[in-house]
C-alpha atoms as a PDB file:
ATOM      1  CA  MET A   1      33.890 -95.221  49.342  1.00  0.00           C
ATOM      2  CA  SER A   2      30.232 -95.086  50.373  1.00  0.00           C
ATOM      3  CA  LYS A   3      27.644 -93.276  48.282  1.00  0.00           C
ATOM      4  CA  ARG A   4      27.015 -90.902  51.177  1.00  0.00           C
ATOM      5  CA  ARG A   5      30.707 -89.932  51.396  1.00  0.00           C
ATOM      6  CA  LYS A   6      30.898 -89.506  47.609  1.00  0.00           C
ATOM      7  CA  LYS A   7      27.801 -87.315  47.670  1.00  0.00           C
ATOM      8  CA  ARG A   8      29.190 -85.234  50.551  1.00  0.00           C
ATOM      9  CA  LYS A   9      32.519 -84.856  48.737  1.00  0.00           C
ATOM     10  CA  SER A  10      30.771 -83.899  45.494  1.00  0.00           C
ATOM     11  CA  SER A  11      28.598 -81.362  47.337  1.00  0.00           C
ATOM     12  CA  LYS A  12      31.666 -79.921  49.048  1.00  0.00           C
ATOM     13  CA  ALA A  13      33.530 -79.631  45.721  1.00  0.00           C
ATOM     14  CA  LYS A  14      30.537 -77.930  44.127  1.00  0.00           C
ATOM     15  CA  ARG A  15      30.342 -75.501  47.053  1.00  0.00           C
ATOM     16  CA  TRP A  16      34.029 -74.652  46.717  1.00  0.00           C
ATOM     17  CA  GLY A  17      33.527 -74.262  42.972  1.00  0.00           C
ATOM     18  CA  ILE A  18      30.768 -71.747  43.568  1.00  0.00           C
ATOM     19  CA  ILE A  19      32.903 -69.874  46.122  1.00  0.00           C
ATOM     20  CA  PHE A  20      35.829 -69.808  43.696  1.00  0.00           C
ATOM     21  CA  ALA A  21      33.572 -68.481  40.909  1.00  0.00           C
ATOM     22  CA  VAL A  22      32.216 -65.739  43.180  1.00  0.00           C
ATOM     23  CA  GLU A  23      35.748 -64.788  44.251  1.00  0.00           C
ATOM     24  CA  LEU A  24      36.847 -64.682  40.617  1.00  0.00           C
ATOM     25  CA  ILE A  25      33.951 -62.397  39.719  1.00  0.00           C
ATOM     26  CA  LEU A  26      34.773 -60.123  42.661  1.00  0.00           C
ATOM     27  CA  ILE A  27      38.424 -59.976  41.599  1.00  0.00           C
ATOM     28  CA  LEU A  28      37.418 -59.084  38.029  1.00  0.00           C
ATOM     29  CA  ILE A  29      35.179 -56.324  39.408  1.00  0.00           C
ATOM     30  CA  LEU A  30      37.786 -55.027  41.836  1.00  0.00           C
ATOM     31  CA  ILE A  31      40.659 -54.905  39.338  1.00  0.00           C
ATOM     32  CA  PRO A  32      39.139 -52.064  37.274  1.00  0.00           C
ATOM     33  CA  VAL A  33      38.020 -50.276  40.447  1.00  0.00           C
ATOM     34  CA  VAL A  34      41.548 -50.373  41.865  1.00  0.00           C
ATOM     35  CA  PHE A  35      42.891 -49.354  38.447  1.00  0.00           C
ATOM     36  CA  VAL A  36      40.523 -46.385  38.244  1.00  0.00           C
ATOM     37  CA  TYR A  37      41.427 -45.277  41.772  1.00  0.00           C
ATOM     38  CA  ALA A  38      45.107 -45.493  40.854  1.00  0.00           C
ATOM     39  CA  LYS A  39      44.479 -43.321  37.796  1.00  0.00           C
ATOM     40  CA  LEU A  40      42.431 -40.811  39.796  1.00  0.00           C
ATOM     41  CA  SER A  41      45.427 -40.219  42.037  1.00  0.00           C
ATOM     42  CA  LEU A  42      46.846 -38.239  39.103  1.00  0.00           C
ATOM     43  CA  VAL A  43      44.169 -35.535  39.554  1.00  0.00           C
ATOM     44  CA  LYS A  44      45.137 -32.285  41.277  1.00  0.00           C
ATOM     45  CA  THR A  45      42.684 -32.308  44.155  1.00  0.00           C
ATOM     46  CA  ALA A  46      41.910 -29.021  45.872  1.00  0.00           C
ATOM     47  CA  THR A  47      42.807 -28.902  49.545  1.00  0.00           C
ATOM     48  CA  ALA A  48      40.306 -27.731  52.157  1.00  0.00           C
ATOM     49  CA  ASP A  49      42.319 -24.513  52.481  1.00  0.00           C
ATOM     50  CA  GLU A  50      41.918 -23.837  48.759  1.00  0.00           C
ATOM     51  CA  VAL A  51      38.267 -24.825  48.359  1.00  0.00           C
ATOM     52  CA  ASN A  52      36.050 -25.440  51.360  1.00  0.00           C
ATOM     53  CA  LYS A  53      32.470 -26.427  50.509  1.00  0.00           C
ATOM     54  CA  ALA A  54      31.330 -24.868  53.779  1.00  0.00           C
ATOM     55  CA  ASN A  55      32.487 -21.474  52.478  1.00  0.00           C
ATOM     56  CA  ILE A  56      30.663 -21.686  49.134  1.00  0.00           C
ATOM     57  CA  VAL A  57      27.696 -19.307  49.241  1.00  0.00           C
ATOM     58  CA  ILE A  58      24.295 -20.780  48.388  1.00  0.00           C
ATOM     59  CA  ASN A  59      21.253 -18.540  48.731  1.00  0.00           C
ATOM     60  CA  ASN A  60      19.245 -19.680  51.749  1.00  0.00           C
ATOM     61  CA  ASP A  61      16.095 -17.875  50.611  1.00  0.00           C
ATOM     62  CA  VAL A  62      15.407 -20.098  47.582  1.00  0.00           C
ATOM     63  CA  ASP A  63      11.818 -21.353  47.577  1.00  0.00           C
ATOM     64  CA  VAL A  64      10.875 -25.001  48.203  1.00  0.00           C
ATOM     65  CA  THR A  65       9.847 -25.625  44.576  1.00  0.00           C
ATOM     66  CA  THR A  66      13.263 -24.530  43.338  1.00  0.00           C
ATOM     67  CA  GLN A  67      15.077 -26.585  45.986  1.00  0.00           C
ATOM     68  CA  LYS A  68      13.125 -29.672  44.902  1.00  0.00           C
ATOM     69  CA  ALA A  69      13.879 -29.041  41.213  1.00  0.00           C
ATOM     70  CA  LEU A  70      17.588 -28.576  41.889  1.00  0.00           C
ATOM     71  CA  LYS A  71      17.819 -31.888  43.763  1.00  0.00           C
ATOM     72  CA  GLY A  72      17.027 -33.732  40.533  1.00  0.00           C
ATOM     73  CA  TYR A  73      20.187 -32.391  38.892  1.00  0.00           C
ATOM     74  CA  ARG A  74      23.906 -32.527  39.457  1.00  0.00           C
ATOM     75  CA  ASN A  75      25.345 -29.113  38.645  1.00  0.00           C
ATOM     76  CA  ILE A  76      29.079 -28.824  38.124  1.00  0.00           C
ATOM     77  CA  ALA A  77      31.047 -25.670  37.334  1.00  0.00           C
ATOM     78  CA  PHE A  78      33.678 -25.974  34.611  1.00  0.00           C
ATOM     79  CA  PHE A  79      36.379 -23.327  34.329  1.00  0.00           C
ATOM     80  CA  GLY A  80      38.850 -22.970  31.480  1.00  0.00           C
ATOM     81  CA  VAL A  81      41.731 -20.695  32.408  1.00  0.00           C
ATOM     82  CA  ASP A  82      44.484 -19.266  30.249  1.00  0.00           C
ATOM     83  CA  SER A  83      47.338 -19.720  32.708  1.00  0.00           C
ATOM     84  CA  ARG A  84      50.756 -19.307  31.136  1.00  0.00           C
ATOM     85  CA  ASP A  85      52.509 -20.427  34.345  1.00  0.00           C
ATOM     86  CA  GLY A  86      50.298 -23.496  34.848  1.00  0.00           C
ATOM     87  CA  SER A  87      48.588 -22.173  37.991  1.00  0.00           C
ATOM     88  CA  LEU A  88      44.998 -23.401  38.314  1.00  0.00           C
ATOM     89  CA  GLN A  89      44.186 -22.256  41.859  1.00  0.00           C
ATOM     90  CA  THR A  90      43.838 -18.463  41.752  1.00  0.00           C
ATOM     91  CA  GLY A  91      45.273 -15.527  39.864  1.00  0.00           C
ATOM     92  CA  ALA A  92      44.179 -16.593  36.387  1.00  0.00           C
ATOM     93  CA  ARG A  93      40.947 -15.301  34.883  1.00  0.00           C
ATOM     94  CA  SER A  94      38.457 -17.907  33.745  1.00  0.00           C
ATOM     95  CA  ASP A  95      38.191 -17.399  29.988  1.00  0.00           C
ATOM     96  CA  SER A  96      35.507 -20.081  29.937  1.00  0.00           C
ATOM     97  CA  ILE A  97      32.786 -20.454  32.574  1.00  0.00           C
ATOM     98  CA  MET A  98      30.311 -23.272  32.051  1.00  0.00           C
ATOM     99  CA  VAL A  99      27.577 -24.862  34.124  1.00  0.00           C
ATOM    100  CA  ILE A 100      27.228 -28.573  33.360  1.00  0.00           C
ATOM    101  CA  SER A 101      23.751 -29.732  34.423  1.00  0.00           C
ATOM    102  CA  ILE A 102      23.127 -33.474  34.556  1.00  0.00           C
ATOM    103  CA  ASN A 103      19.583 -34.793  34.915  1.00  0.00           C
ATOM    104  CA  GLN A 104      20.062 -37.521  37.537  1.00  0.00           C
ATOM    105  CA  GLU A 105      17.177 -39.605  36.193  1.00  0.00           C
ATOM    106  CA  THR A 106      17.504 -39.342  32.401  1.00  0.00           C
ATOM    107  CA  LYS A 107      21.282 -38.619  32.259  1.00  0.00           C
ATOM    108  CA  ASP A 108      20.546 -35.802  29.815  1.00  0.00           C
ATOM    109  CA  VAL A 109      23.191 -33.073  29.939  1.00  0.00           C
ATOM    110  CA  LYS A 110      22.894 -29.361  29.204  1.00  0.00           C
ATOM    111  CA  ILE A 111      25.888 -27.054  28.945  1.00  0.00           C
ATOM    112  CA  THR A 112      25.478 -23.339  29.652  1.00  0.00           C
ATOM    113  CA  SER A 113      28.258 -20.822  29.067  1.00  0.00           C
ATOM    114  CA  ILE A 114      28.207 -17.828  31.380  1.00  0.00           C
ATOM    115  CA  TYR A 115      29.702 -15.066  29.257  1.00  0.00           C
ATOM    116  CA  ARG A 116      32.995 -14.065  30.846  1.00  0.00           C
ATOM    117  CA  ASP A 117      32.312 -10.302  30.581  1.00  0.00           C
ATOM    118  CA  THR A 118      28.877 -10.521  32.220  1.00  0.00           C
ATOM    119  CA  CYS A 119      28.418  -7.965  34.989  1.00  0.00           C
ATOM    120  CA  LEU A 120      27.592  -9.925  38.141  1.00  0.00           C
ATOM    121  CA  LYS A 121      27.960  -9.355  41.863  1.00  0.00           C
ATOM    122  CA  VAL A 122      31.021 -11.097  43.260  1.00  0.00           C
ATOM    123  CA  PRO A 123      30.785 -11.596  47.061  1.00  0.00           C
ATOM    124  CA  GLY A 124      33.172  -9.187  48.739  1.00  0.00           C
ATOM    125  CA  TYR A 125      34.021  -7.326  45.516  1.00  0.00           C
ATOM    126  CA  GLY A 126      30.756  -5.857  44.267  1.00  0.00           C
ATOM    127  CA  PHE A 127      29.795  -5.691  40.605  1.00  0.00           C
ATOM    128  CA  THR A 128      32.508  -6.774  38.199  1.00  0.00           C
ATOM    129  CA  LYS A 129      33.099  -9.119  35.268  1.00  0.00           C
ATOM    130  CA  ALA A 130      32.273 -12.762  35.934  1.00  0.00           C
ATOM    131  CA  THR A 131      35.753 -13.754  34.762  1.00  0.00           C
ATOM    132  CA  HIS A 132      37.351 -11.813  37.639  1.00  0.00           C
ATOM    133  CA  ALA A 133      35.858 -13.998  40.388  1.00  0.00           C
ATOM    134  CA  TYR A 134      38.241 -16.878  39.697  1.00  0.00           C
ATOM    135  CA  ALA A 135      41.253 -14.543  39.662  1.00  0.00           C
ATOM    136  CA  TYR A 136      40.195 -12.983  42.978  1.00  0.00           C
ATOM    137  CA  GLY A 137      39.289 -16.117  44.925  1.00  0.00           C
ATOM    138  CA  GLY A 138      39.625 -19.209  42.783  1.00  0.00           C
ATOM    139  CA  ALA A 139      36.893 -21.778  42.265  1.00  0.00           C
ATOM    140  CA  GLU A 140      35.393 -21.199  45.708  1.00  0.00           C
ATOM    141  CA  LEU A 141      34.577 -17.562  44.984  1.00  0.00           C
ATOM    142  CA  ALA A 142      33.584 -18.287  41.367  1.00  0.00           C
ATOM    143  CA  MET A 143      31.038 -20.918  42.468  1.00  0.00           C
ATOM    144  CA  SER A 144      29.713 -18.529  45.124  1.00  0.00           C
ATOM    145  CA  MET A 145      29.246 -15.893  42.416  1.00  0.00           C
ATOM    146  CA  LEU A 146      27.258 -18.296  40.225  1.00  0.00           C
ATOM    147  CA  ASN A 147      25.080 -19.457  43.120  1.00  0.00           C
ATOM    148  CA  THR A 148      24.447 -15.960  44.465  1.00  0.00           C
ATOM    149  CA  ASN A 149      23.430 -14.372  41.167  1.00  0.00           C
ATOM    150  CA  LEU A 150      21.663 -17.369  39.607  1.00  0.00           C
ATOM    151  CA  ASP A 151      20.042 -19.198  42.556  1.00  0.00           C
ATOM    152  CA  LEU A 152      22.121 -22.322  41.908  1.00  0.00           C
ATOM    153  CA  ASP A 153      23.523 -24.934  44.300  1.00  0.00           C
ATOM    154  CA  ILE A 154      26.945 -25.649  42.782  1.00  0.00           C
ATOM    155  CA  THR A 155      29.588 -27.072  45.118  1.00  0.00           C
ATOM    156  CA  GLU A 156      31.628 -29.126  42.615  1.00  0.00           C
ATOM    157  CA  PHE A 157      33.995 -27.837  39.968  1.00  0.00           C
ATOM    158  CA  ALA A 158      36.699 -28.821  37.510  1.00  0.00           C
ATOM    159  CA  THR A 159      39.326 -26.448  36.122  1.00  0.00           C
ATOM    160  CA  VAL A 160      41.670 -27.004  33.209  1.00  0.00           C
ATOM    161  CA  ASP A 161      44.176 -24.841  31.385  1.00  0.00           C
ATOM    162  CA  PHE A 162      43.255 -24.287  27.750  1.00  0.00           C
ATOM    163  CA  GLY A 163      46.567 -25.887  26.819  1.00  0.00           C
ATOM    164  CA  VAL A 164      45.244 -29.318  27.827  1.00  0.00           C
ATOM    165  CA  LEU A 165      42.363 -29.065  25.346  1.00  0.00           C
ATOM    166  CA  ALA A 166      44.722 -29.665  22.430  1.00  0.00           C
ATOM    167  CA  LYS A 167      46.253 -32.683  24.171  1.00  0.00           C
ATOM    168  CA  ILE A 168      42.843 -34.266  24.798  1.00  0.00           C
ATOM    169  CA  ILE A 169      41.704 -33.761  21.215  1.00  0.00           C
ATOM    170  CA  ASP A 170      44.930 -35.270  19.897  1.00  0.00           C
ATOM    171  CA  ALA A 171      44.500 -38.224  22.277  1.00  0.00           C
ATOM    172  CA  ILE A 172      41.070 -39.058  20.810  1.00  0.00           C
ATOM    173  CA  GLY A 173      42.313 -38.675  17.247  1.00  0.00           C
ATOM    174  CA  GLY A 174      40.941 -35.217  16.469  1.00  0.00           C
ATOM    175  CA  ILE A 175      37.400 -33.967  15.852  1.00  0.00           C
ATOM    176  CA  ASP A 176      35.322 -32.757  12.888  1.00  0.00           C
ATOM    177  CA  LEU A 177      34.550 -29.033  12.658  1.00  0.00           C
ATOM    178  CA  ASP A 178      32.748 -26.909  10.086  1.00  0.00           C
ATOM    179  CA  ILE A 179      34.952 -23.845   9.555  1.00  0.00           C
ATOM    180  CA  SER A 180      33.229 -20.835   7.984  1.00  0.00           C
ATOM    181  CA  ASP A 181      34.961 -18.443   5.562  1.00  0.00           C
ATOM    182  CA  ALA A 182      35.154 -15.782   8.280  1.00  0.00           C
ATOM    183  CA  GLU A 183      36.554 -18.244  10.826  1.00  0.00           C
ATOM    184  CA  PHE A 184      39.143 -19.454   8.328  1.00  0.00           C
ATOM    185  CA  SER A 185      40.380 -15.874   7.898  1.00  0.00           C
ATOM    186  CA  LEU A 186      41.547 -15.850  11.529  1.00  0.00           C
ATOM    187  CA  ILE A 187      42.275 -19.446  12.462  1.00  0.00           C
ATOM    188  CA  ASN A 188      45.743 -19.827  10.948  1.00  0.00           C
ATOM    189  CA  PRO A 189      47.266 -16.856  12.862  1.00  0.00           C
ATOM    190  CA  LEU A 190      45.840 -18.408  16.050  1.00  0.00           C
ATOM    191  CA  ILE A 191      47.316 -21.803  15.109  1.00  0.00           C
ATOM    192  CA  LYS A 192      50.668 -20.040  14.692  1.00  0.00           C
ATOM    193  CA  GLU A 193      50.324 -18.496  18.164  1.00  0.00           C
ATOM    194  CA  GLN A 194      49.341 -21.867  19.697  1.00  0.00           C
ATOM    195  CA  ASN A 195      52.413 -23.451  18.116  1.00  0.00           C
ATOM    196  CA  ARG A 196      54.620 -20.738  19.604  1.00  0.00           C
ATOM    197  CA  VAL A 197      53.126 -20.896  23.103  1.00  0.00           C
ATOM    198  CA  THR A 198      52.852 -24.677  23.437  1.00  0.00           C
ATOM    199  CA  GLY A 199      55.804 -25.742  21.339  1.00  0.00           C
ATOM    200  CA  SER A 200      53.568 -27.710  18.957  1.00  0.00           C
ATOM    201  CA  ASP A 201      54.132 -27.962  15.226  1.00  0.00           C
ATOM    202  CA  SER A 202      50.621 -28.086  13.837  1.00  0.00           C
ATOM    203  CA  PRO A 203      50.051 -27.466  10.116  1.00  0.00           C
ATOM    204  CA  TYR A 204      47.753 -24.660   9.019  1.00  0.00           C
ATOM    205  CA  LEU A 205      44.332 -25.260   7.483  1.00  0.00           C
ATOM    206  CA  ASP A 206      44.085 -25.131   3.693  1.00  0.00           C
ATOM    207  CA  GLY A 207      40.620 -23.637   3.564  1.00  0.00           C
ATOM    208  CA  PRO A 208      37.129 -23.407   5.106  1.00  0.00           C
ATOM    209  CA  GLY A 209      34.544 -26.185   5.219  1.00  0.00           C
ATOM    210  CA  THR A 210      33.917 -29.340   7.221  1.00  0.00           C
ATOM    211  CA  GLN A 211      37.185 -31.041   8.069  1.00  0.00           C
ATOM    212  CA  HIS A 212      39.002 -33.199  10.593  1.00  0.00           C
ATOM    213  CA  VAL A 213      41.202 -31.052  12.843  1.00  0.00           C
ATOM    214  CA  ASN A 214      43.864 -31.782  15.419  1.00  0.00           C
ATOM    215  CA  GLY A 215      44.083 -30.407  18.941  1.00  0.00           C
ATOM    216  CA  THR A 216      45.991 -27.217  18.134  1.00  0.00           C
ATOM    217  CA  GLN A 217      43.660 -26.392  15.241  1.00  0.00           C
ATOM    218  CA  ALA A 218      40.540 -27.043  17.360  1.00  0.00           C
ATOM    219  CA  THR A 219      41.866 -24.903  20.225  1.00  0.00           C
ATOM    220  CA  ALA A 220      42.585 -22.073  17.796  1.00  0.00           C
ATOM    221  CA  TYR A 221      38.995 -22.379  16.539  1.00  0.00           C
ATOM    222  CA  ALA A 222      37.705 -22.151  20.136  1.00  0.00           C
ATOM    223  CA  ARG A 223      39.657 -18.924  20.655  1.00  0.00           C
ATOM    224  CA  ILE A 224      38.332 -17.019  17.604  1.00  0.00           C
ATOM    225  CA  ARG A 225      36.568 -13.836  18.671  1.00  0.00           C
ATOM    226  CA  LYS A 226      37.408 -10.820  16.488  1.00  0.00           C
ATOM    227  CA  ILE A 227      35.066 -11.718  13.606  1.00  0.00           C
ATOM    228  CA  ASP A 228      31.954 -11.542  15.798  1.00  0.00           C
ATOM    229  CA  SER A 229      31.801 -11.490  19.600  1.00  0.00           C
ATOM    230  CA  ASP A 230      32.623 -13.223  22.847  1.00  0.00           C
ATOM    231  CA  PHE A 231      29.149 -14.778  22.595  1.00  0.00           C
ATOM    232  CA  LYS A 232      30.159 -16.663  19.458  1.00  0.00           C
ATOM    233  CA  ARG A 233      33.501 -17.624  20.976  1.00  0.00           C
ATOM    234  CA  ALA A 234      31.677 -19.181  23.931  1.00  0.00           C
ATOM    235  CA  GLU A 235      29.480 -21.044  21.434  1.00  0.00           C
ATOM    236  CA  ARG A 236      32.582 -22.343  19.634  1.00  0.00           C
ATOM    237  CA  GLN A 237      33.964 -23.556  22.959  1.00  0.00           C
ATOM    238  CA  ARG A 238      30.743 -25.464  23.664  1.00  0.00           C
ATOM    239  CA  ILE A 239      30.798 -26.960  20.154  1.00  0.00           C
ATOM    240  CA  VAL A 240      34.358 -28.224  20.691  1.00  0.00           C
ATOM    241  CA  LEU A 241      33.492 -29.611  24.143  1.00  0.00           C
ATOM    242  CA  SER A 242      30.439 -31.421  22.744  1.00  0.00           C
ATOM    243  CA  LYS A 243      32.467 -32.864  19.856  1.00  0.00           C
ATOM    244  CA  VAL A 244      35.152 -34.107  22.249  1.00  0.00           C
ATOM    245  CA  PHE A 245      32.538 -35.768  24.455  1.00  0.00           C
ATOM    246  CA  GLU A 246      30.786 -37.498  21.557  1.00  0.00           C
ATOM    247  CA  GLN A 247      34.093 -38.655  20.077  1.00  0.00           C
ATOM    248  CA  ALA A 248      35.234 -40.046  23.449  1.00  0.00           C
ATOM    249  CA  LYS A 249      32.005 -42.056  23.790  1.00  0.00           C
ATOM    250  CA  THR A 250      32.837 -43.995  20.619  1.00  0.00           C
ATOM    251  CA  ALA A 251      36.545 -44.487  21.375  1.00  0.00           C
ATOM    252  CA  ASN A 252      38.086 -47.883  22.126  1.00  0.00           C
ATOM    253  CA  ILE A 253      39.524 -48.735  25.548  1.00  0.00           C
ATOM    254  CA  GLY A 254      43.109 -48.031  24.480  1.00  0.00           C
ATOM    255  CA  THR A 255      42.197 -44.542  23.324  1.00  0.00           C
ATOM    256  CA  LEU A 256      40.219 -43.848  26.499  1.00  0.00           C
ATOM    257  CA  LEU A 257      43.159 -44.919  28.659  1.00  0.00           C
ATOM    258  CA  ASN A 258      45.348 -42.548  26.676  1.00  0.00           C
ATOM    259  CA  VAL A 259      42.838 -39.752  27.258  1.00  0.00           C
ATOM    260  CA  ILE A 260      42.752 -40.548  30.980  1.00  0.00           C
ATOM    261  CA  ASP A 261      46.539 -40.412  31.213  1.00  0.00           C
ATOM    262  CA  THR A 262      46.509 -37.121  29.292  1.00  0.00           C
ATOM    263  CA  ILE A 263      43.730 -35.248  31.046  1.00  0.00           C
ATOM    264  CA  LEU A 264      43.824 -36.299  34.696  1.00  0.00           C
ATOM    265  CA  PRO A 265      47.166 -34.667  35.595  1.00  0.00           C
ATOM    266  CA  GLU A 266      45.822 -31.439  34.072  1.00  0.00           C
ATOM    267  CA  VAL A 267      42.541 -31.356  36.037  1.00  0.00           C
ATOM    268  CA  TYR A 268      42.119 -29.359  39.237  1.00  0.00           C
ATOM    269  CA  THR A 269      38.947 -30.233  41.138  1.00  0.00           C
ATOM    270  CA  ASN A 270      37.370 -30.627  44.553  1.00  0.00           C
ATOM    271  CA  MET A 271      35.604 -33.834  43.538  1.00  0.00           C
ATOM    272  CA  SER A 272      36.810 -36.908  45.401  1.00  0.00           C
ATOM    273  CA  SER A 273      37.698 -40.232  43.770  1.00  0.00           C
ATOM    274  CA  THR A 274      34.241 -41.475  44.767  1.00  0.00           C
ATOM    275  CA  ASP A 275      32.597 -38.430  43.144  1.00  0.00           C
ATOM    276  CA  LEU A 276      34.562 -38.904  39.928  1.00  0.00           C
ATOM    277  CA  ILE A 277      33.806 -42.632  39.765  1.00  0.00           C
ATOM    278  CA  SER A 278      30.087 -41.892  40.238  1.00  0.00           C
ATOM    279  CA  LEU A 279      30.340 -39.650  37.170  1.00  0.00           C
ATOM    280  CA  ALA A 280      32.488 -42.042  35.145  1.00  0.00           C
ATOM    281  CA  LYS A 281      30.257 -45.086  35.654  1.00  0.00           C
ATOM    282  CA  ASP A 282      27.467 -43.420  33.670  1.00  0.00           C
ATOM    283  CA  ILE A 283      29.685 -41.900  30.975  1.00  0.00           C
ATOM    284  CA  PHE A 284      28.082 -43.917  28.158  1.00  0.00           C
ATOM    285  CA  SER A 285      24.586 -43.020  29.377  1.00  0.00           C
ATOM    286  CA  TYR A 286      25.106 -39.268  29.211  1.00  0.00           C
ATOM    287  CA  ASN A 287      23.589 -37.454  26.279  1.00  0.00           C
ATOM    288  CA  ILE A 288      24.294 -33.777  25.578  1.00  0.00           C
ATOM    289  CA  VAL A 289      20.835 -32.616  24.545  1.00  0.00           C
ATOM    290  CA  ASP A 290      21.447 -28.867  24.322  1.00  0.00           C
ATOM    291  CA  GLN A 291      23.954 -26.089  24.876  1.00  0.00           C
ATOM    292  CA  SER A 292      23.476 -22.373  25.178  1.00  0.00           C
ATOM    293  CA  GLY A 293      24.955 -19.127  26.438  1.00  0.00           C
ATOM    294  CA  TRP A 294      23.742 -16.909  29.282  1.00  0.00           C
ATOM    295  CA  PRO A 295      22.423 -14.207  29.660  1.00  0.00           C
ATOM    296  CA  PHE A 296      19.793 -15.061  27.061  1.00  0.00           C
ATOM    297  CA  GLU A 297      18.626 -11.464  26.589  1.00  0.00           C
ATOM    298  CA  LYS A 298      21.749  -9.316  26.732  1.00  0.00           C
ATOM    299  CA  THR A 299      23.452  -6.160  25.629  1.00  0.00           C
ATOM    300  CA  THR A 300      26.969  -4.759  25.735  1.00  0.00           C
ATOM    301  CA  SER A 301      27.671  -1.385  27.266  1.00  0.00           C
ATOM    302  CA  SER A 302      30.361   0.601  29.053  1.00  0.00           C
ATOM    303  CA  TYR A 303      30.508   0.485  32.853  1.00  0.00           C
ATOM    304  CA  GLN A 304      33.375   1.535  35.119  1.00  0.00           C
ATOM    305  CA  ASP A 305      35.243   2.546  31.930  1.00  0.00           C
ATOM    306  CA  LEU A 306      35.151  -1.055  30.659  1.00  0.00           C
ATOM    307  CA  SER A 307      32.988  -2.930  28.168  1.00  0.00           C
ATOM    308  CA  TYR A 308      30.544  -5.284  29.894  1.00  0.00           C
ATOM    309  CA  VAL A 309      27.826  -7.753  28.986  1.00  0.00           C
ATOM    310  CA  PHE A 310      24.593  -6.988  30.802  1.00  0.00           C
ATOM    311  CA  ALA A 311      21.558  -9.174  31.290  1.00  0.00           C
ATOM    312  CA  GLU A 312      18.571  -7.171  30.085  1.00  0.00           C
ATOM    313  CA  GLY A 313      16.812  -7.726  33.377  1.00  0.00           C
ATOM    314  CA  LEU A 314      18.851 -10.064  35.601  1.00  0.00           C
ATOM    315  CA  GLU A 315      15.776 -11.414  37.386  1.00  0.00           C
ATOM    316  CA  GLN A 316      14.002 -12.353  34.127  1.00  0.00           C
ATOM    317  CA  ASN A 317      17.135 -13.956  32.705  1.00  0.00           C
ATOM    318  CA  VAL A 318      17.540 -16.096  35.830  1.00  0.00           C
ATOM    319  CA  LYS A 319      13.906 -17.198  35.478  1.00  0.00           C
ATOM    320  CA  GLU A 320      14.585 -18.281  31.907  1.00  0.00           C
ATOM    321  CA  LEU A 321      17.744 -20.106  33.017  1.00  0.00           C
ATOM    322  CA  HIS A 322      15.834 -22.233  35.532  1.00  0.00           C
ATOM    323  CA  ALA A 323      13.170 -23.021  32.944  1.00  0.00           C
ATOM    324  CA  TYR A 324      15.872 -24.006  30.443  1.00  0.00           C
ATOM    325  CA  LEU A 325      18.091 -26.090  32.713  1.00  0.00           C
ATOM    326  CA  PHE A 326      15.599 -27.638  35.119  1.00  0.00           C
ATOM    327  CA  ASN A 327      12.261 -27.387  33.301  1.00  0.00           C
ATOM    328  CA  ASN A 328      11.122 -25.327  36.265  1.00  0.00           C
ATOM    329  CA  GLU A 329       8.455 -22.979  34.948  1.00  0.00           C
ATOM    330  CA  GLU A 330       7.307 -22.261  38.510  1.00  0.00           C
ATOM    331  CA  TYR A 331      10.657 -20.844  39.613  1.00  0.00           C
ATOM    332  CA  SER A 332      10.434 -17.603  41.548  1.00  0.00           C
ATOM    333  CA  PRO A 333      13.699 -15.680  42.085  1.00  0.00           C
ATOM    334  CA  SER A 334      14.925 -15.466  45.672  1.00  0.00           C
ATOM    335  CA  SER A 335      14.956 -12.134  47.471  1.00  0.00           C
ATOM    336  CA  THR A 336      18.757 -12.195  47.050  1.00  0.00           C
ATOM    337  CA  VAL A 337      18.486 -12.332  43.254  1.00  0.00           C
ATOM    338  CA  ASN A 338      15.751  -9.665  43.350  1.00  0.00           C
ATOM    339  CA  GLU A 339      17.995  -7.364  45.386  1.00  0.00           C
ATOM    340  CA  ILE A 340      21.001  -7.902  43.092  1.00  0.00           C
ATOM    341  CA  SER A 341      18.813  -7.287  40.040  1.00  0.00           C
ATOM    342  CA  ASN A 342      17.461  -4.025  41.469  1.00  0.00           C
ATOM    343  CA  GLU A 343      20.897  -2.883  42.602  1.00  0.00           C
ATOM    344  CA  LEU A 344      22.387  -3.587  39.176  1.00  0.00           C
ATOM    345  CA  TYR A 345      19.594  -1.648  37.481  1.00  0.00           C
ATOM    346  CA  ASN A 346      20.130   1.345  39.806  1.00  0.00           C
ATOM    347  CA  GLU A 347      23.912   1.295  39.215  1.00  0.00           C
ATOM    348  CA  ALA A 348      24.155   0.516  35.520  1.00  0.00           C
ATOM    349  CA  GLY A 349      20.638   0.859  34.119  1.00  0.00           C
ATOM    350  CA  TYR A 350      20.215  -2.844  33.250  1.00  0.00           C
END
């Protein structure tokens, strides 16, 4: 065999070796992608009839500075409903309403609870409790309520039943919570109720203090309200959510797969597989830097023969929200927010 033929054959073999290596790399990349897509098929995706982004109200009178600030963040609405029949579309009130704000550049995350009893204007229904929006019109109406009253641009959401929270926490091996004396006085009766409703058999806690809790115990903790207020309950919910997130970040692949199998069938969302993968790919880069409740300045009072939470000046509270979430000190409320704020003051005095 001539040297030229040997060289050509060697070059050809090397070329095929390179091609094979590239194909192998592509296969290794594609396998997890296909796997993730297969898993995402478990999610309950909202149909266009249930949630149509074109129908979600976003104030069109928001100033340019605010629009620019909002573009740097991905804002997602998270709803926790207490649905005894498993329905996540409409009909159930959202016991938990959170805005998850992700800084697209730094991956810093802030979680803001919107207190469920806050008096806000729900499109088509007037002033009522924020929790009612989801019962009246599902996620579509609830997102419209948040955008209309708070000058936000939310078009994505995720809803879960509170029952799934216990399953997720059990899947990651539990979380650590610091239970106060007052919280301990109420947590065991709530554990008993959770056991009855979900069919679980969780043990009770022996006492207060920092301890490792299972899913039923953590969910009971997140539901405590009578010792203080709904404000503190919302704070407990954010604490549990933060603990779950931090625990999941340190979990091994087997545990994460178990979590995926547990949570995805229980999630109702309008985010596509592509949207969810874009979130998942940065999961280890996210850092929850702060969590808070809104309104910041608030009071409770009777309105329409019911107890409500009122922002002490809706316009000012929305200003503070934009400064907190988006570092936008130059935010100026839209005329829509101004009008709602004035109307609320004239109707209820706040």
